Protein backbone atom coordinates (compact mmCIF):
# COMPACT_ATOMS: atom_id res chain seq x y z
CA MET A 1 0.00 0.00 0.00
CA SER A 2 1.42 3.42 -0.93
CA ASP A 3 1.62 6.45 1.35
CA SER A 4 -1.17 8.02 -0.64
CA ASP A 5 -3.37 5.01 0.11
CA ASP A 6 -2.72 5.46 3.83
CA HIS A 7 -3.93 9.06 3.66
CA PRO A 8 -6.82 9.41 1.21
CA THR A 9 -7.11 12.76 -0.46
CA ARG A 10 -9.29 15.13 1.58
CA PRO A 11 -11.29 18.07 0.29
CA ALA A 12 -9.29 21.29 0.44
CA GLY A 13 -11.48 22.68 3.21
CA ALA A 14 -10.97 19.61 5.36
CA GLN A 15 -7.21 19.88 4.97
CA ARG A 16 -7.32 23.52 5.98
CA ARG A 17 -9.22 22.66 9.14
CA LEU A 18 -6.26 20.57 10.30
CA THR A 19 -4.18 23.75 10.59
CA MET A 20 -3.80 24.85 14.21
CA GLN A 21 -5.09 28.36 14.79
CA LYS A 22 -2.36 30.88 15.61
CA ILE A 23 -2.90 33.89 17.86
CA HIS A 24 -0.51 36.83 17.50
CA VAL A 25 -0.42 40.37 18.90
CA LEU A 26 0.82 43.39 16.95
CA LEU A 27 2.03 46.16 19.25
CA LYS A 28 0.89 49.02 17.01
CA LYS A 29 -1.12 49.50 13.83
CA GLU A 30 2.00 50.40 11.87
CA GLU A 31 3.05 46.74 12.05
CA LEU A 32 0.13 45.69 9.83
CA ASP A 33 1.14 44.48 6.37
CA GLY A 34 -1.91 44.89 4.16
CA GLU A 35 -0.50 42.56 1.51
CA ARG A 36 -0.39 39.62 3.93
CA LEU A 37 -3.82 39.87 5.52
CA ASP A 38 -6.15 38.20 3.03
CA SER A 39 -6.28 34.86 4.87
CA LYS A 40 -6.20 36.29 8.39
CA VAL A 41 -8.70 37.51 10.96
CA VAL A 42 -7.86 40.90 12.47
CA ILE A 43 -9.22 42.16 15.78
CA VAL A 44 -8.54 45.87 16.35
CA LEU A 45 -8.14 47.33 19.85
CA ASP A 46 -8.03 50.99 20.86
CA ILE A 47 -9.18 50.80 24.45
CA LEU A 48 -8.98 54.55 25.24
CA PHE A 49 -11.26 55.10 23.45
CA ALA A 50 -11.99 54.49 19.78
CA THR A 51 -12.93 50.82 19.72
CA THR A 52 -14.64 51.09 23.11
CA THR A 53 -16.77 53.86 21.64
CA MET A 54 -17.59 51.89 18.47
CA VAL A 55 -18.64 48.89 20.54
CA GLY A 56 -20.73 51.05 22.85
CA VAL A 57 -22.70 52.91 20.19
CA LEU A 58 -23.48 49.74 18.23
CA ALA A 59 -24.63 48.01 21.40
CA ASP A 60 -26.86 51.03 22.06
CA GLY A 61 -28.59 50.80 18.68
CA ALA A 62 -26.50 52.81 16.22
CA THR A 63 -27.01 51.48 12.70
CA ALA A 64 -23.32 51.63 11.77
CA VAL A 65 -20.01 53.30 12.46
CA LEU A 66 -18.24 54.82 9.46
CA PRO A 67 -14.53 55.00 10.37
CA MET A 68 -12.72 57.92 8.79
CA PRO A 69 -8.98 58.60 8.48
CA ASP A 70 -9.30 62.23 9.60
CA GLY A 71 -11.67 65.08 10.28
CA ASP A 72 -11.79 66.37 6.71
CA ALA A 73 -12.87 62.96 5.42
CA ALA A 74 -15.50 62.78 8.16
CA LEU A 75 -16.97 66.16 7.22
CA ALA A 76 -17.14 65.11 3.56
CA GLU A 77 -18.85 61.85 4.53
CA VAL A 78 -21.49 63.55 6.69
CA ALA A 79 -22.33 65.89 3.80
CA ARG A 80 -23.35 62.86 1.73
CA HIS A 81 -26.08 61.84 4.20
CA PRO A 82 -29.50 63.35 4.95
CA ALA A 83 -29.43 65.93 7.72
CA GLY A 84 -29.92 64.36 11.14
CA SER A 85 -29.27 60.79 9.99
CA CYS A 86 -25.68 60.74 11.29
CA LEU A 87 -23.74 61.81 14.31
CA LEU A 88 -20.30 63.32 13.74
CA ALA A 89 -17.67 62.67 16.39
CA GLY A 90 -13.92 62.80 16.42
CA GLU A 91 -10.66 63.83 17.98
CA LEU A 92 -7.10 64.62 17.04
CA ASN A 93 -4.41 63.98 19.63
CA ALA A 94 -7.09 63.58 22.32
CA GLU A 95 -8.70 66.96 21.59
CA THR A 96 -12.25 67.06 20.25
CA LEU A 97 -12.28 68.38 16.69
CA PRO A 98 -14.07 71.73 16.18
CA GLY A 99 -17.73 71.17 15.37
CA PHE A 100 -17.55 67.47 16.28
CA LEU A 101 -19.06 65.63 19.22
CA SER A 102 -16.76 64.13 21.83
CA ALA A 103 -15.16 60.87 20.72
CA THR A 104 -15.44 59.26 24.17
CA PRO A 105 -18.03 56.52 24.77
CA ALA A 106 -20.19 57.71 27.66
CA ASN A 107 -20.36 61.31 26.43
CA LEU A 108 -21.33 60.16 22.95
CA LEU A 109 -23.95 57.70 24.19
CA ALA A 110 -25.61 60.57 26.03
CA GLU A 111 -26.25 62.22 22.65
CA GLY A 112 -28.62 59.41 21.63
CA VAL A 113 -27.29 57.09 18.94
CA LYS A 114 -30.15 54.66 18.36
CA GLY A 115 -31.21 54.48 14.72
CA ARG A 116 -28.40 56.71 13.49
CA ALA A 117 -24.99 56.12 11.96
CA LEU A 118 -21.84 57.46 13.56
CA VAL A 119 -19.27 59.12 11.31
CA TYR A 120 -16.14 58.80 13.41
CA ALA A 121 -12.58 60.08 13.05
CA THR A 122 -9.85 59.44 15.61
CA THR A 123 -6.09 59.72 15.75
CA ASN A 124 -5.34 56.00 16.01
CA GLY A 125 -8.36 53.72 16.27
CA THR A 126 -10.16 54.48 13.03
CA PRO A 127 -6.92 54.46 10.97
CA ALA A 128 -6.15 51.05 12.50
CA VAL A 129 -9.51 49.68 11.37
CA LEU A 130 -9.03 51.09 7.88
CA ALA A 131 -5.50 49.66 7.66
CA ALA A 132 -6.90 46.16 8.25
CA ARG A 133 -9.53 46.28 5.49
CA SER A 134 -7.77 43.70 3.27
CA ALA A 135 -8.04 40.97 5.92
CA HIS A 136 -10.35 37.98 5.56
CA ALA A 137 -12.42 39.42 8.43
CA VAL A 138 -12.00 42.48 10.64
CA PHE A 139 -13.57 42.81 14.08
CA VAL A 140 -13.61 45.69 16.55
CA ALA A 141 -13.03 44.77 20.18
CA ALA A 142 -12.71 46.39 23.57
CA LEU A 143 -12.63 45.10 27.11
CA THR A 144 -16.39 45.64 27.12
CA ASN A 145 -17.20 43.02 24.44
CA ALA A 146 -14.08 40.84 24.44
CA ARG A 147 -15.78 37.56 25.30
CA ALA A 148 -18.41 38.02 22.58
CA VAL A 149 -15.73 38.67 19.94
CA VAL A 150 -13.59 35.70 20.99
CA ASP A 151 -16.60 33.38 21.06
CA HIS A 152 -17.58 34.53 17.56
CA VAL A 153 -14.09 34.03 16.12
CA VAL A 154 -13.70 30.60 17.75
CA ARG A 155 -17.04 29.53 16.32
CA HIS A 156 -16.82 31.01 12.83
CA HIS A 157 -13.07 31.19 12.07
CA PRO A 158 -11.54 28.26 13.99
CA ASP A 159 -8.60 27.67 11.63
CA ARG A 160 -7.66 31.24 10.71
CA THR A 161 -4.61 33.04 12.05
CA VAL A 162 -5.82 35.80 14.35
CA LEU A 163 -3.97 39.11 14.64
CA LEU A 164 -4.84 41.17 17.70
CA VAL A 165 -3.86 44.66 16.58
CA CYS A 166 -3.10 47.26 19.22
CA ALA A 167 -3.77 50.67 17.67
CA GLY A 168 -1.01 52.31 19.66
CA SER A 169 -0.47 56.05 19.55
CA ALA A 170 1.22 57.68 16.55
CA GLY A 171 3.61 54.76 16.16
CA ARG A 172 4.14 54.25 19.88
CA PHE A 173 3.28 51.32 22.13
CA ASN A 174 0.23 51.80 24.38
CA LEU A 175 -0.04 49.85 27.63
CA GLU A 176 -3.83 49.82 27.70
CA ASP A 177 -4.14 48.27 24.23
CA PHE A 178 -1.60 45.57 25.10
CA TYR A 179 -3.51 44.86 28.30
CA GLY A 180 -6.70 44.54 26.27
CA ALA A 181 -4.99 42.16 23.85
CA GLY A 182 -3.89 40.10 26.84
CA TYR A 183 -7.46 39.81 28.03
CA LEU A 184 -8.52 38.49 24.62
CA VAL A 185 -5.60 36.04 24.60
CA SER A 186 -6.72 34.76 28.01
CA LEU A 187 -10.20 34.15 26.59
CA PHE A 188 -8.81 32.30 23.57
CA ARG A 189 -6.73 30.14 25.92
CA ALA A 190 -9.82 29.33 27.98
CA ALA A 191 -11.86 28.38 24.89
CA ALA A 192 -12.14 24.82 23.63
CA GLY A 193 -9.60 23.69 21.04
CA GLN A 194 -5.84 23.88 20.59
CA ARG A 195 -4.08 27.02 19.42
CA GLU A 196 -0.56 28.27 18.91
CA TYR A 197 0.39 31.50 20.67
CA THR A 198 3.30 33.69 19.66
CA ASP A 199 5.60 35.19 22.26
CA ALA A 200 3.87 38.56 21.86
CA ALA A 201 0.51 36.93 22.60
CA LEU A 202 1.90 35.14 25.65
CA ALA A 203 3.50 38.36 26.91
CA ALA A 204 0.17 40.17 26.64
CA ASP A 205 -1.55 37.34 28.49
CA LEU A 206 1.04 37.49 31.28
CA LEU A 207 0.65 41.26 31.61
CA HIS A 208 -3.11 40.94 31.85
CA ALA A 209 -2.89 38.14 34.41
CA GLN A 210 -0.54 40.19 36.58
CA GLY A 211 -3.04 43.04 36.61
CA GLU A 212 -6.00 40.94 37.74
CA GLY A 213 -7.33 41.87 41.16
CA GLN A 214 -5.32 45.08 41.40
CA PRO A 215 -6.97 48.16 42.93
CA GLU A 216 -8.18 50.77 40.49
CA GLU A 217 -5.14 52.99 40.89
CA ARG A 218 -2.92 50.04 39.89
CA HIS A 219 -5.05 49.06 36.89
CA ALA A 220 -3.34 49.26 33.49
CA LEU A 221 -5.87 51.79 32.19
CA TRP A 222 -5.13 54.13 35.11
CA LEU A 223 -1.35 53.67 34.93
CA ALA A 224 -1.01 54.02 31.16
CA ARG A 225 0.24 57.27 29.65
CA VAL A 226 -3.01 57.78 27.74
CA GLY A 227 -5.03 56.85 30.81
CA GLN A 228 -3.16 59.43 32.87
CA ARG A 229 -3.90 62.04 30.23
CA MET A 230 -7.59 61.17 30.24
CA LEU A 231 -7.70 61.38 34.03
CA SER A 232 -6.05 64.81 33.91
CA LYS A 233 -8.84 65.92 31.56
CA GLY A 234 -11.51 64.86 34.06
CA LEU A 235 -12.52 61.73 32.14
CA GLU A 236 -12.28 59.18 34.95
CA SER A 237 -15.87 58.03 34.32
CA GLU A 238 -14.94 57.31 30.70
CA VAL A 239 -11.88 55.30 31.78
CA ARG A 240 -14.05 53.38 34.22
CA TYR A 241 -16.55 52.66 31.42
CA ALA A 242 -13.74 51.34 29.21
CA ALA A 243 -12.40 49.11 32.00
CA ARG A 244 -15.57 47.03 32.46
CA LYS A 245 -15.09 43.56 31.03
CA SER A 246 -17.39 41.56 28.74
CA TRP A 247 -20.72 43.12 29.63
CA LEU A 248 -21.71 43.83 26.01
CA ASP A 249 -22.59 41.13 23.48
CA VAL A 250 -22.21 43.03 20.21
CA VAL A 251 -19.58 41.79 17.73
CA PRO A 252 -18.70 44.70 15.41
CA CYS A 253 -17.44 43.67 11.98
CA PHE A 254 -15.84 46.00 9.41
CA ASP A 255 -17.04 45.35 5.86
CA GLY A 256 -14.54 47.68 4.21
CA GLU A 257 -16.73 50.75 4.57
CA ARG A 258 -18.84 50.39 7.71
CA VAL A 259 -18.57 48.75 11.09
CA VAL A 260 -21.81 46.89 11.80
CA PRO A 261 -22.89 44.06 14.12
CA ALA A 262 -21.84 40.66 12.77
């Protein structure tokens, strides 16, 4: 009997399912290589606050989030929609853009988002989502919906390499995004099935585990450079909102133009 007789030819899809899923963390959006994403699942994280805001407004009934690269693009996009059908929010370097609503989650939710689209421009989070558009699938995650996103990916993309992309800040590493990635890694590790974890993924998991049970003032979101800046601006309630884990069930998916519930 030949080797080929020992291992009958399987359909291509069945062979692909034998591949062990790999989980990797990118420390900043600039590490994304758009030409190598077509077979991968990307999960974008900008904990303070872009992805937390996107998750929050979709959970609260917004019809879609339209991520924009900058304020000018956002203004042009809003002009294409009927008056009152969209909210316009955005920031540049943590300062609300003139004529825009605040980009932070709780403040924006107070404006009333149900039934409307959000046109949204931020310094790091929305460019990170746009940079991932060539991937097989792109999801938006925060601490607030992490379990829902991981459960969805495990169920629907069990054999795809997963890139957890920390948005970072203008090319710099952000502690809070890495902490968020670590939380997602911990959820993947707790899920059924075997996976391969890169050193970056394991490092994020270890950081997250070390932070568990710490008092608020020792929490990664409070210690992080961006977190400290938000606290100095009087946004502690927004940081506290972003720190709540897995209390929202929405799974935002980017279709190349809009972020909508999967």
